[in-house]
PDB file of N, CA and C in Angstrom:
ATOM      1  N   MET A   1     109.684 102.470 108.251  1.00  0.00           N
ATOM      2  CA  MET A   1     110.167 102.338 109.621  1.00  0.00           C
ATOM      3  C   MET A   1     111.455 101.528 109.566  1.00  0.00           C
ATOM      4  N   LYS A   2     112.553 102.123 110.016  1.00  0.00           N
ATOM      5  CA  LYS A   2     113.839 101.470 109.817  1.00  0.00           C
ATOM      6  C   LYS A   2     114.568 101.071 111.094  1.00  0.00           C
ATOM      7  N   LYS A   3     114.124 101.523 112.242  1.00  0.00           N
ATOM      8  CA  LYS A   3     114.834 101.185 113.466  1.00  0.00           C
ATOM      9  C   LYS A   3     114.015 100.202 114.288  1.00  0.00           C
ATOM     10  N   PHE A   4     114.700  99.177 114.782  1.00  0.00           N
ATOM     11  CA  PHE A   4     114.015  98.157 115.564  1.00  0.00           C
ATOM     12  C   PHE A   4     113.356  98.764 116.795  1.00  0.00           C
ATOM     13  N   GLN A   5     114.027  99.717 117.445  1.00  0.00           N
ATOM     14  CA  GLN A   5     113.459 100.331 118.646  1.00  0.00           C
ATOM     15  C   GLN A   5     112.153 101.062 118.334  1.00  0.00           C
ATOM     16  N   GLU A   6     112.051 101.648 117.158  1.00  0.00           N
ATOM     17  CA  GLU A   6     110.809 102.317 116.756  1.00  0.00           C
ATOM     18  C   GLU A   6     109.673 101.301 116.627  1.00  0.00           C
ATOM     19  N   ILE A   7     109.994 100.131 116.131  1.00  0.00           N
ATOM     20  CA  ILE A   7     108.984  99.074 116.008  1.00  0.00           C
ATOM     21  C   ILE A   7     108.558  98.606 117.394  1.00  0.00           C
ATOM     22  N   GLU A   8     109.515  98.405 118.273  1.00  0.00           N
ATOM     23  CA  GLU A   8     109.211  98.007 119.650  1.00  0.00           C
ATOM     24  C   GLU A   8     108.328  99.054 120.329  1.00  0.00           C
ATOM     25  N   ASN A   9     108.660 100.328 120.138  1.00  0.00           N
ATOM     26  CA  ASN A   9     107.856 101.410 120.717  1.00  0.00           C
ATOM     27  C   ASN A   9     106.435 101.386 120.168  1.00  0.00           C
ATOM     28  N   PHE A  10     106.307 101.162 118.875  1.00  0.00           N
ATOM     29  CA  PHE A  10     104.987 101.090 118.245  1.00  0.00           C
ATOM     30  C   PHE A  10     104.149  99.990 118.897  1.00  0.00           C
ATOM     31  N   ILE A  11     104.761  98.843 119.125  1.00  0.00           N
ATOM     32  CA  ILE A  11     104.054  97.709 119.727  1.00  0.00           C
ATOM     33  C   ILE A  11     103.615  98.038 121.150  1.00  0.00           C
ATOM     34  N   THR A  12     104.488  98.649 121.928  1.00  0.00           N
ATOM     35  CA  THR A  12     104.153  98.930 123.328  1.00  0.00           C
ATOM     36  C   THR A  12     103.209 100.120 123.478  1.00  0.00           C
ATOM     37  N   GLN A  13     103.253 101.056 122.553  1.00  0.00           N
ATOM     38  CA  GLN A  13     102.419 102.255 122.668  1.00  0.00           C
ATOM     39  C   GLN A  13     101.003 102.057 122.125  1.00  0.00           C
ATOM     40  N   ASN A  14     100.772 100.987 121.407  1.00  0.00           N
ATOM     41  CA  ASN A  14      99.449 100.724 120.835  1.00  0.00           C
ATOM     42  C   ASN A  14      98.905  99.409 121.382  1.00  0.00           C
ATOM     43  N   LYS A  15      97.772  99.509 122.061  1.00  0.00           N
ATOM     44  CA  LYS A  15      97.180  98.318 122.683  1.00  0.00           C
ATOM     45  C   LYS A  15      96.941  97.204 121.661  1.00  0.00           C
ATOM     46  N   SER A  16      96.396  97.563 120.504  1.00  0.00           N
ATOM     47  CA  SER A  16      96.155  96.601 119.422  1.00  0.00           C
ATOM     48  C   SER A  16      96.979  97.031 118.221  1.00  0.00           C
ATOM     49  N   ALA A  17      97.958  96.225 117.864  1.00  0.00           N
ATOM     50  CA  ALA A  17      98.890  96.610 116.800  1.00  0.00           C
ATOM     51  C   ALA A  17      99.116  95.458 115.830  1.00  0.00           C
ATOM     52  N   ILE A  18      99.337  95.847 114.587  1.00  0.00           N
ATOM     53  CA  ILE A  18      99.682  94.878 113.546  1.00  0.00           C
ATOM     54  C   ILE A  18     100.957  95.355 112.872  1.00  0.00           C
ATOM     55  N   ILE A  19     101.915  94.441 112.741  1.00  0.00           N
ATOM     56  CA  ILE A  19     103.139  94.723 111.997  1.00  0.00           C
ATOM     57  C   ILE A  19     103.068  93.909 110.709  1.00  0.00           C
ATOM     58  N   PHE A  20     103.128  94.601 109.585  1.00  0.00           N
ATOM     59  CA  PHE A  20     103.154  93.940 108.278  1.00  0.00           C
ATOM     60  C   PHE A  20     104.595  93.975 107.803  1.00  0.00           C
ATOM     61  N   VAL A  21     105.197  92.802 107.663  1.00  0.00           N
ATOM     62  CA  VAL A  21     106.588  92.694 107.231  1.00  0.00           C
ATOM     63  C   VAL A  21     106.604  92.201 105.791  1.00  0.00           C
ATOM     64  N   SER A  22     107.190  93.010 104.922  1.00  0.00           N
ATOM     65  CA  SER A  22     107.289  92.631 103.513  1.00  0.00           C
ATOM     66  C   SER A  22     108.758  92.511 103.127  1.00  0.00           C
ATOM     67  N   GLY A  23     108.988  92.217 101.868  1.00  0.00           N
ATOM     68  CA  GLY A  23     110.349  92.072 101.378  1.00  0.00           C
ATOM     69  C   GLY A  23     110.495  92.656  99.990  1.00  0.00           C
ATOM     70  N   LEU A  24     111.727  92.751  99.550  1.00  0.00           N
ATOM     71  CA  LEU A  24     112.004  93.249  98.207  1.00  0.00           C
ATOM     72  C   LEU A  24     111.484  92.275  97.156  1.00  0.00           C
ATOM     73  N   ASN A  25     110.948  92.811  96.094  1.00  0.00           N
ATOM     74  CA  ASN A  25     110.482  91.994  94.967  1.00  0.00           C
ATOM     75  C   ASN A  25     109.557  90.857  95.393  1.00  0.00           C
ATOM     76  N   CYS A  26     108.690  91.142  96.339  1.00  0.00           N
ATOM     77  CA  CYS A  26     107.758  90.132  96.858  1.00  0.00           C
ATOM     78  C   CYS A  26     106.374  90.396  96.271  1.00  0.00           C
ATOM     79  N   ALA A  27     106.014  89.624  95.260  1.00  0.00           N
ATOM     80  CA  ALA A  27     104.721  89.809  94.593  1.00  0.00           C
ATOM     81  C   ALA A  27     103.557  89.541  95.539  1.00  0.00           C
ATOM     82  N   VAL A  28     103.706  88.560  96.415  1.00  0.00           N
ATOM     83  CA  VAL A  28     102.642  88.259  97.372  1.00  0.00           C
ATOM     84  C   VAL A  28     102.460  89.436  98.328  1.00  0.00           C
ATOM     85  N   CYS A  29     103.568  90.017  98.787  1.00  0.00           N
ATOM     86  CA  CYS A  29     103.498  91.193  99.667  1.00  0.00           C
ATOM     87  C   CYS A  29     102.736  92.318  98.982  1.00  0.00           C
ATOM     88  N   ASP A  30     103.078  92.554  97.721  1.00  0.00           N
ATOM     89  CA  ASP A  30     102.441  93.626  96.952  1.00  0.00           C
ATOM     90  C   ASP A  30     100.953  93.370  96.740  1.00  0.00           C
ATOM     91  N   ALA A  31     100.548  92.125  96.742  1.00  0.00           N
ATOM     92  CA  ALA A  31      99.131  91.792  96.576  1.00  0.00           C
ATOM     93  C   ALA A  31      98.372  91.868  97.896  1.00  0.00           C
ATOM     94  N   VAL A  32      99.008  91.466  98.993  1.00  0.00           N
ATOM     95  CA  VAL A  32      98.322  91.383 100.282  1.00  0.00           C
ATOM     96  C   VAL A  32      98.255  92.733 100.998  1.00  0.00           C
ATOM     97  N   PHE A  33      99.302  93.547 100.908  1.00  0.00           N
ATOM     98  CA  PHE A  33      99.315  94.791 101.679  1.00  0.00           C
ATOM     99  C   PHE A  33      98.141  95.716 101.361  1.00  0.00           C
ATOM    100  N   PRO A  34      97.767  95.919 100.100  1.00  0.00           N
ATOM    101  CA  PRO A  34      96.596  96.774  99.834  1.00  0.00           C
ATOM    102  C   PRO A  34      95.317  96.247 100.500  1.00  0.00           C
ATOM    103  N   LEU A  35      95.180  94.944 100.582  1.00  0.00           N
ATOM    104  CA  LEU A  35      94.032  94.354 101.268  1.00  0.00           C
ATOM    105  C   LEU A  35      94.063  94.713 102.754  1.00  0.00           C
ATOM    106  N   VAL A  36      95.232  94.587 103.368  1.00  0.00           N
ATOM    107  CA  VAL A  36      95.380  94.930 104.786  1.00  0.00           C
ATOM    108  C   VAL A  36      95.074  96.415 104.999  1.00  0.00           C
ATOM    109  N   GLU A  37      95.595  97.261 104.129  1.00  0.00           N
ATOM    110  CA  GLU A  37      95.326  98.704 104.230  1.00  0.00           C
ATOM    111  C   GLU A  37      93.833  99.004 104.138  1.00  0.00           C
ATOM    112  N   GLU A  38      93.143  98.293 103.287  1.00  0.00           N
ATOM    113  CA  GLU A  38      91.700  98.506 103.132  1.00  0.00           C
ATOM    114  C   GLU A  38      90.954  97.998 104.362  1.00  0.00           C
ATOM    115  N   LEU A  39      91.320  96.822 104.857  1.00  0.00           N
ATOM    116  CA  LEU A  39      90.656  96.252 106.030  1.00  0.00           C
ATOM    117  C   LEU A  39      90.846  97.102 107.276  1.00  0.00           C
ATOM    118  N   ILE A  40      92.029  97.652 107.463  1.00  0.00           N
ATOM    119  CA  ILE A  40      92.337  98.396 108.687  1.00  0.00           C
ATOM    120  C   ILE A  40      91.399  99.591 108.865  1.00  0.00           C
ATOM    121  N   LYS A  41      90.869 100.099 107.776  1.00  0.00           N
ATOM    122  CA  LYS A  41      89.939 101.238 107.844  1.00  0.00           C
ATOM    123  C   LYS A  41      88.674 100.894 108.625  1.00  0.00           C
ATOM    124  N   GLU A  42      88.337  99.614 108.664  1.00  0.00           N
ATOM    125  CA  GLU A  42      87.139  99.158 109.379  1.00  0.00           C
ATOM    126  C   GLU A  42      87.394  98.937 110.873  1.00  0.00           C
ATOM    127  N   TYR A  43      88.640  99.070 111.307  1.00  0.00           N
ATOM    128  CA  TYR A  43      89.016  98.751 112.685  1.00  0.00           C
ATOM    129  C   TYR A  43      89.797  99.915 113.298  1.00  0.00           C
ATOM    130  N   PRO A  44      89.098 100.946 113.770  1.00  0.00           N
ATOM    131  CA  PRO A  44      89.792 102.140 114.276  1.00  0.00           C
ATOM    132  C   PRO A  44      90.634 101.906 115.530  1.00  0.00           C
ATOM    133  N   THR A  45      90.391 100.823 116.253  1.00  0.00           N
ATOM    134  CA  THR A  45      91.172 100.567 117.469  1.00  0.00           C
ATOM    135  C   THR A  45      92.498  99.867 117.178  1.00  0.00           C
ATOM    136  N   ILE A  46      92.687  99.419 115.939  1.00  0.00           N
ATOM    137  CA  ILE A  46      93.911  98.693 115.576  1.00  0.00           C
ATOM    138  C   ILE A  46      94.835  99.612 114.782  1.00  0.00           C
ATOM    139  N   LYS A  47      96.103  99.620 115.164  1.00  0.00           N
ATOM    140  CA  LYS A  47      97.110 100.427 114.468  1.00  0.00           C
ATOM    141  C   LYS A  47      97.995  99.515 113.620  1.00  0.00           C
ATOM    142  N   LEU A  48      98.364 100.010 112.449  1.00  0.00           N
ATOM    143  CA  LEU A  48      99.147  99.232 111.479  1.00  0.00           C
ATOM    144  C   LEU A  48     100.492  99.887 111.213  1.00  0.00           C
ATOM    145  N   LEU A  49     101.527  99.063 111.173  1.00  0.00           N
ATOM    146  CA  LEU A  49     102.862  99.518 110.796  1.00  0.00           C
ATOM    147  C   LEU A  49     103.390  98.582 109.711  1.00  0.00           C
ATOM    148  N   HIS A  50     103.919  99.158 108.659  1.00  0.00           N
ATOM    149  CA  HIS A  50     104.481  98.380 107.548  1.00  0.00           C
ATOM    150  C   HIS A  50     105.991  98.581 107.542  1.00  0.00           C
ATOM    151  N   THR A  51     106.733  97.502 107.484  1.00  0.00           N
ATOM    152  CA  THR A  51     108.187  97.589 107.400  1.00  0.00           C
ATOM    153  C   THR A  51     108.696  96.499 106.462  1.00  0.00           C
ATOM    154  N   LYS A  52     109.913  96.671 106.017  1.00  0.00           N
ATOM    155  CA  LYS A  52     110.541  95.674 105.138  1.00  0.00           C
ATOM    156  C   LYS A  52     111.598  94.913 105.937  1.00  0.00           C
ATOM    157  N   ALA A  53     111.582  93.613 105.795  1.00  0.00           N
ATOM    158  CA  ALA A  53     112.486  92.751 106.559  1.00  0.00           C
ATOM    159  C   ALA A  53     113.946  93.120 106.332  1.00  0.00           C
ATOM    160  N   ASN A  54     114.300  93.464 105.107  1.00  0.00           N
ATOM    161  CA  ASN A  54     115.698  93.781 104.808  1.00  0.00           C
ATOM    162  C   ASN A  54     116.139  95.105 105.433  1.00  0.00           C
ATOM    163  N   GLU A  55     115.198  95.986 105.766  1.00  0.00           N
ATOM    164  CA  GLU A  55     115.548  97.277 106.367  1.00  0.00           C
ATOM    165  C   GLU A  55     115.744  97.180 107.872  1.00  0.00           C
ATOM    166  N   VAL A  56     115.152  96.169 108.492  1.00  0.00           N
ATOM    167  CA  VAL A  56     115.253  95.993 109.943  1.00  0.00           C
ATOM    168  C   VAL A  56     115.574  94.526 110.230  1.00  0.00           C
ATOM    169  N   PRO A  57     116.830  94.122 110.015  1.00  0.00           N
ATOM    170  CA  PRO A  57     117.173  92.708 110.189  1.00  0.00           C
ATOM    171  C   PRO A  57     116.939  92.185 111.607  1.00  0.00           C
ATOM    172  N   GLU A  58     117.007  93.080 112.612  1.00  0.00           N
ATOM    173  CA  GLU A  58     116.764  92.649 113.995  1.00  0.00           C
ATOM    174  C   GLU A  58     115.348  92.113 114.169  1.00  0.00           C
ATOM    175  N   LEU A  59     114.426  92.652 113.390  1.00  0.00           N
ATOM    176  CA  LEU A  59     113.033  92.220 113.470  1.00  0.00           C
ATOM    177  C   LEU A  59     112.919  90.734 113.148  1.00  0.00           C
ATOM    178  N   SER A  60     113.587  90.314 112.093  1.00  0.00           N
ATOM    179  CA  SER A  60     113.540  88.903 111.693  1.00  0.00           C
ATOM    180  C   SER A  60     114.073  87.999 112.789  1.00  0.00           C
ATOM    181  N   GLY A  61     115.139  88.423 113.439  1.00  0.00           N
ATOM    182  CA  GLY A  61     115.722  87.621 114.510  1.00  0.00           C
ATOM    183  C   GLY A  61     114.872  87.607 115.766  1.00  0.00           C
ATOM    184  N   GLN A  62     114.453  88.770 116.213  1.00  0.00           N
ATOM    185  CA  GLN A  62     113.692  88.878 117.460  1.00  0.00           C
ATOM    186  C   GLN A  62     112.305  88.246 117.367  1.00  0.00           C
ATOM    187  N   TYR A  63     111.676  88.375 116.211  1.00  0.00           N
ATOM    188  CA  TYR A  63     110.312  87.868 116.054  1.00  0.00           C
ATOM    189  C   TYR A  63     110.231  86.638 115.149  1.00  0.00           C
ATOM    190  N   GLN A  64     111.361  86.082 114.810  1.00  0.00           N
ATOM    191  CA  GLN A  64     111.441  84.859 114.010  1.00  0.00           C
ATOM    192  C   GLN A  64     110.591  84.942 112.740  1.00  0.00           C
ATOM    193  N   VAL A  65     110.856  85.982 111.978  1.00  0.00           N
ATOM    194  CA  VAL A  65     110.191  86.163 110.692  1.00  0.00           C
ATOM    195  C   VAL A  65     111.092  85.541 109.630  1.00  0.00           C
ATOM    196  N   PHE A  66     110.692  84.380 109.133  1.00  0.00           N
ATOM    197  CA  PHE A  66     111.514  83.633 108.185  1.00  0.00           C
ATOM    198  C   PHE A  66     111.000  83.694 106.752  1.00  0.00           C
ATOM    199  N   THR A  67     109.799  84.209 106.574  1.00  0.00           N
ATOM    200  CA  THR A  67     109.223  84.346 105.244  1.00  0.00           C
ATOM    201  C   THR A  67     108.366  85.601 105.207  1.00  0.00           C
ATOM    202  N   VAL A  68     108.171  86.137 104.025  1.00  0.00           N
ATOM    203  CA  VAL A  68     107.325  87.317 103.862  1.00  0.00           C
ATOM    204  C   VAL A  68     106.260  87.033 102.811  1.00  0.00           C
ATOM    205  N   PRO A  69     105.123  87.683 102.878  1.00  0.00           N
ATOM    206  CA  PRO A  69     104.791  88.615 103.942  1.00  0.00           C
ATOM    207  C   PRO A  69     104.511  87.885 105.252  1.00  0.00           C
ATOM    208  N   ALA A  70     104.732  88.613 106.331  1.00  0.00           N
ATOM    209  CA  ALA A  70     104.371  88.140 107.662  1.00  0.00           C
ATOM    210  C   ALA A  70     103.549  89.244 108.311  1.00  0.00           C
ATOM    211  N   ILE A  71     102.419  88.860 108.844  1.00  0.00           N
ATOM    212  CA  ILE A  71     101.567  89.812 109.540  1.00  0.00           C
ATOM    213  C   ILE A  71     101.515  89.368 110.992  1.00  0.00           C
ATOM    214  N   LEU A  72     102.057  90.206 111.871  1.00  0.00           N
ATOM    215  CA  LEU A  72     102.128  89.893 113.294  1.00  0.00           C
ATOM    216  C   LEU A  72     101.067  90.703 114.023  1.00  0.00           C
ATOM    217  N   PHE A  73     100.256  90.038 114.825  1.00  0.00           N
ATOM    218  CA  PHE A  73      99.170  90.671 115.567  1.00  0.00           C
ATOM    219  C   PHE A  73      99.568  90.760 117.038  1.00  0.00           C
ATOM    220  N   PHE A  74      99.492  91.963 117.611  1.00  0.00           N
ATOM    221  CA  PHE A  74      99.887  92.183 118.997  1.00  0.00           C
ATOM    222  C   PHE A  74      98.736  92.769 119.801  1.00  0.00           C
ATOM    223  N   PHE A  75      98.616  92.306 121.040  1.00  0.00           N
ATOM    224  CA  PHE A  75      97.673  92.904 121.980  1.00  0.00           C
ATOM    225  C   PHE A  75      98.408  93.104 123.294  1.00  0.00           C
ATOM    226  N   ASN A  76      98.355  94.312 123.808  1.00  0.00           N
ATOM    227  CA  ASN A  76      99.068  94.661 125.048  1.00  0.00           C
ATOM    228  C   ASN A  76     100.540  94.254 124.991  1.00  0.00           C
ATOM    229  N   GLY A  77     101.165  94.446 123.832  1.00  0.00           N
ATOM    230  CA  GLY A  77     102.590  94.194 123.690  1.00  0.00           C
ATOM    231  C   GLY A  77     102.987  92.749 123.465  1.00  0.00           C
ATOM    232  N   LYS A  78     102.017  91.842 123.420  1.00  0.00           N
ATOM    233  CA  LYS A  78     102.321  90.422 123.221  1.00  0.00           C
ATOM    234  C   LYS A  78     101.780  89.955 121.868  1.00  0.00           C
ATOM    235  N   GLU A  79     102.581  89.166 121.187  1.00  0.00           N
ATOM    236  CA  GLU A  79     102.117  88.609 119.917  1.00  0.00           C
ATOM    237  C   GLU A  79     101.051  87.557 120.197  1.00  0.00           C
ATOM    238  N   ILE A  80      99.901  87.721 119.551  1.00  0.00           N
ATOM    239  CA  ILE A  80      98.798  86.777 119.779  1.00  0.00           C
ATOM    240  C   ILE A  80      98.497  85.930 118.548  1.00  0.00           C
ATOM    241  N   ALA A  81      99.005  86.355 117.390  1.00  0.00           N
ATOM    242  CA  ALA A  81      98.769  85.588 116.159  1.00  0.00           C
ATOM    243  C   ALA A  81      99.724  86.070 115.085  1.00  0.00           C
ATOM    244  N   ARG A  82      99.867  85.246 114.054  1.00  0.00           N
ATOM    245  CA  ARG A  82     100.624  85.659 112.871  1.00  0.00           C
ATOM    246  C   ARG A  82     100.099  84.901 111.662  1.00  0.00           C
ATOM    247  N   LYS A  83     100.170  85.563 110.552  1.00  0.00           N
ATOM    248  CA  LYS A  83      99.812  84.961 109.268  1.00  0.00           C
ATOM    249  C   LYS A  83     100.995  85.205 108.343  1.00  0.00           C
ATOM    250  N   VAL A  84     101.356  84.188 107.565  1.00  0.00           N
ATOM    251  CA  VAL A  84     102.520  84.321 106.687  1.00  0.00           C
ATOM    252  C   VAL A  84     102.229  83.793 105.288  1.00  0.00           C
ATOM    253  N   ARG A  85     103.010  84.271 104.362  1.00  0.00           N
ATOM    254  CA  ARG A  85     103.051  83.886 102.952  1.00  0.00           C
ATOM    255  C   ARG A  85     101.717  84.068 102.234  1.00  0.00           C
ATOM    256  N   PHE A  86     101.030  83.001 101.927  1.00  0.00           N
ATOM    257  CA  PHE A  86      99.758  83.107 101.212  1.00  0.00           C
ATOM    258  C   PHE A  86      98.642  83.242 102.240  1.00  0.00           C
ATOM    259  N   ILE A  87      98.053  84.425 102.303  1.00  0.00           N
ATOM    260  CA  ILE A  87      97.104  84.753 103.360  1.00  0.00           C
ATOM    261  C   ILE A  87      95.741  85.027 102.738  1.00  0.00           C
ATOM    262  N   ARG A  88      94.754  84.274 103.173  1.00  0.00           N
ATOM    263  CA  ARG A  88      93.394  84.461 102.651  1.00  0.00           C
ATOM    264  C   ARG A  88      92.694  85.604 103.382  1.00  0.00           C
ATOM    265  N   GLU A  89      91.852  86.304 102.660  1.00  0.00           N
ATOM    266  CA  GLU A  89      91.126  87.445 103.227  1.00  0.00           C
ATOM    267  C   GLU A  89      90.294  87.025 104.441  1.00  0.00           C
ATOM    268  N   GLU A  90      89.673  85.855 104.378  1.00  0.00           N
ATOM    269  CA  GLU A  90      88.846  85.384 105.495  1.00  0.00           C
ATOM    270  C   GLU A  90      89.675  85.226 106.770  1.00  0.00           C
ATOM    271  N   GLU A  91      90.905  84.735 106.625  1.00  0.00           N
ATOM    272  CA  GLU A  91      91.787  84.569 107.782  1.00  0.00           C
ATOM    273  C   GLU A  91      92.140  85.921 108.382  1.00  0.00           C
ATOM    274  N   LEU A  92      92.402  86.887 107.517  1.00  0.00           N
ATOM    275  CA  LEU A  92      92.718  88.229 107.995  1.00  0.00           C
ATOM    276  C   LEU A  92      91.544  88.832 108.752  1.00  0.00           C
ATOM    277  N   ILE A  93      90.372  88.729 108.182  1.00  0.00           N
ATOM    278  CA  ILE A  93      89.183  89.296 108.831  1.00  0.00           C
ATOM    279  C   ILE A  93      88.973  88.659 110.197  1.00  0.00           C
ATOM    280  N   LYS A  94      89.164  87.354 110.290  1.00  0.00           N
ATOM    281  CA  LYS A  94      89.012  86.655 111.570  1.00  0.00           C
ATOM    282  C   LYS A  94      89.978  87.216 112.616  1.00  0.00           C
ATOM    283  N   GLU A  95      91.232  87.415 112.239  1.00  0.00           N
ATOM    284  CA  GLU A  95      92.222  87.943 113.186  1.00  0.00           C
ATOM    285  C   GLU A  95      91.955  89.412 113.520  1.00  0.00           C
ATOM    286  N   PHE A  96      91.548  90.196 112.533  1.00  0.00           N
ATOM    287  CA  PHE A  96      91.197  91.595 112.787  1.00  0.00           C
ATOM    288  C   PHE A  96      90.027  91.660 113.770  1.00  0.00           C
ATOM    289  N   ASP A  97      89.008  90.830 113.550  1.00  0.00           N
ATOM    290  CA  ASP A  97      87.845  90.801 114.444  1.00  0.00           C
ATOM    291  C   ASP A  97      88.261  90.428 115.861  1.00  0.00           C
ATOM    292  N   ARG A  98      89.101  89.428 115.968  1.00  0.00           N
ATOM    293  CA  ARG A  98      89.546  88.962 117.289  1.00  0.00           C
ATOM    294  C   ARG A  98      90.328  90.049 118.016  1.00  0.00           C
ATOM    295  N   LEU A  99      91.245  90.688 117.320  1.00  0.00           N
ATOM    296  CA  LEU A  99      92.052  91.744 117.926  1.00  0.00           C
ATOM    297  C   LEU A  99      91.173  92.926 118.326  1.00  0.00           C
ATOM    298  N   SER A 100      90.227  93.268 117.496  1.00  0.00           N
ATOM    299  CA  SER A 100      89.299  94.356 117.792  1.00  0.00           C
ATOM    300  C   SER A 100      88.444  94.027 119.017  1.00  0.00           C
ATOM    301  N   GLU A 101      88.014  92.783 119.110  1.00  0.00           N
ATOM    302  CA  GLU A 101      87.228  92.333 120.260  1.00  0.00           C
ATOM    303  C   GLU A 101      88.033  92.454 121.549  1.00  0.00           C
ATOM    304  N   PHE A 102      89.285  92.044 121.514  1.00  0.00           N
ATOM    305  CA  PHE A 102      90.150  92.171 122.690  1.00  0.00           C
ATOM    306  C   PHE A 102      90.261  93.628 123.109  1.00  0.00           C
ATOM    307  N   ALA A 103      90.415  94.513 122.137  1.00  0.00           N
ATOM    308  CA  ALA A 103      90.547  95.942 122.433  1.00  0.00           C
ATOM    309  C   ALA A 103      89.279  96.472 123.095  1.00  0.00           C
ATOM    310  N   GLU A 104      88.130  96.048 122.606  1.00  0.00           N
ATOM    311  CA  GLU A 104      86.859  96.498 123.182  1.00  0.00           C
ATOM    312  C   GLU A 104      86.677  95.972 124.599  1.00  0.00           C
ATOM    313  N   GLN A 105      87.076  94.728 124.839  1.00  0.00           N
ATOM    314  CA  GLN A 105      86.951  94.126 126.166  1.00  0.00           C
ATOM    315  C   GLN A 105      88.042  94.606 127.110  1.00  0.00           C
ATOM    316  N   GLY A 106      89.158  95.054 126.539  1.00  0.00           N
ATOM    317  CA  GLY A 106      90.295  95.462 127.356  1.00  0.00           C
ATOM    318  C   GLY A 106      91.134  94.291 127.821  1.00  0.00           C
ATOM    319  N   SER A 107      90.804  93.100 127.339  1.00  0.00           N
ATOM    320  CA  SER A 107      91.512  91.900 127.772  1.00  0.00           C
ATOM    321  C   SER A 107      91.297  90.788 126.752  1.00  0.00           C
ATOM    322  N   MET A 108      92.190  89.800 126.780  1.00  0.00           N
ATOM    323  CA  MET A 108      92.024  88.623 125.926  1.00  0.00           C
ATOM    324  C   MET A 108      91.144  87.586 126.607  1.00  0.00           C
ATOM    325  N   TYR A 109      90.830  87.828 127.867  1.00  0.00           N
ATOM    326  CA  TYR A 109      90.091  86.847 128.652  1.00  0.00           C
ATOM    327  C   TYR A 109      88.719  87.382 128.996  1.00  0.00           C
ATOM    328  N   GLU A 110      87.753  86.505 129.011  1.00  0.00           N
ATOM    329  CA  GLU A 110      86.393  86.908 129.376  1.00  0.00           C
ATOM    330  C   GLU A 110      86.320  87.035 130.885  1.00  0.00           C
ATOM    331  N   ASP A 111      85.552  88.020 131.330  1.00  0.00           N
ATOM    332  CA  ASP A 111      85.383  88.215 132.787  1.00  0.00           C
ATOM    333  C   ASP A 111      84.432  87.206 133.373  1.00  0.00           C
TER     334      ASP A 111
END
């Protein structure tokens, strides 16, 4: 994904979205992304987009991505969480569960 507008569209068109931002020659990115790809299979309501920071420099500016990998979690077009650099599997599962729960409830707030 190379155009910032395409990323913005992805965020607005998907109620629960995750943007995985990686970088060139990033060993941590290469280790974490396969884990994210595997986890996403368990969460059909969450959509995943992978992009490289160097390919979409506007992303870094607009979303203040200063290190990679960065995993941005969105619900209803708003960023609700982010995980960066060294990311533990337990932390990812917690955020995936939370985002999935919001999608099932249709809201971040309890009725």
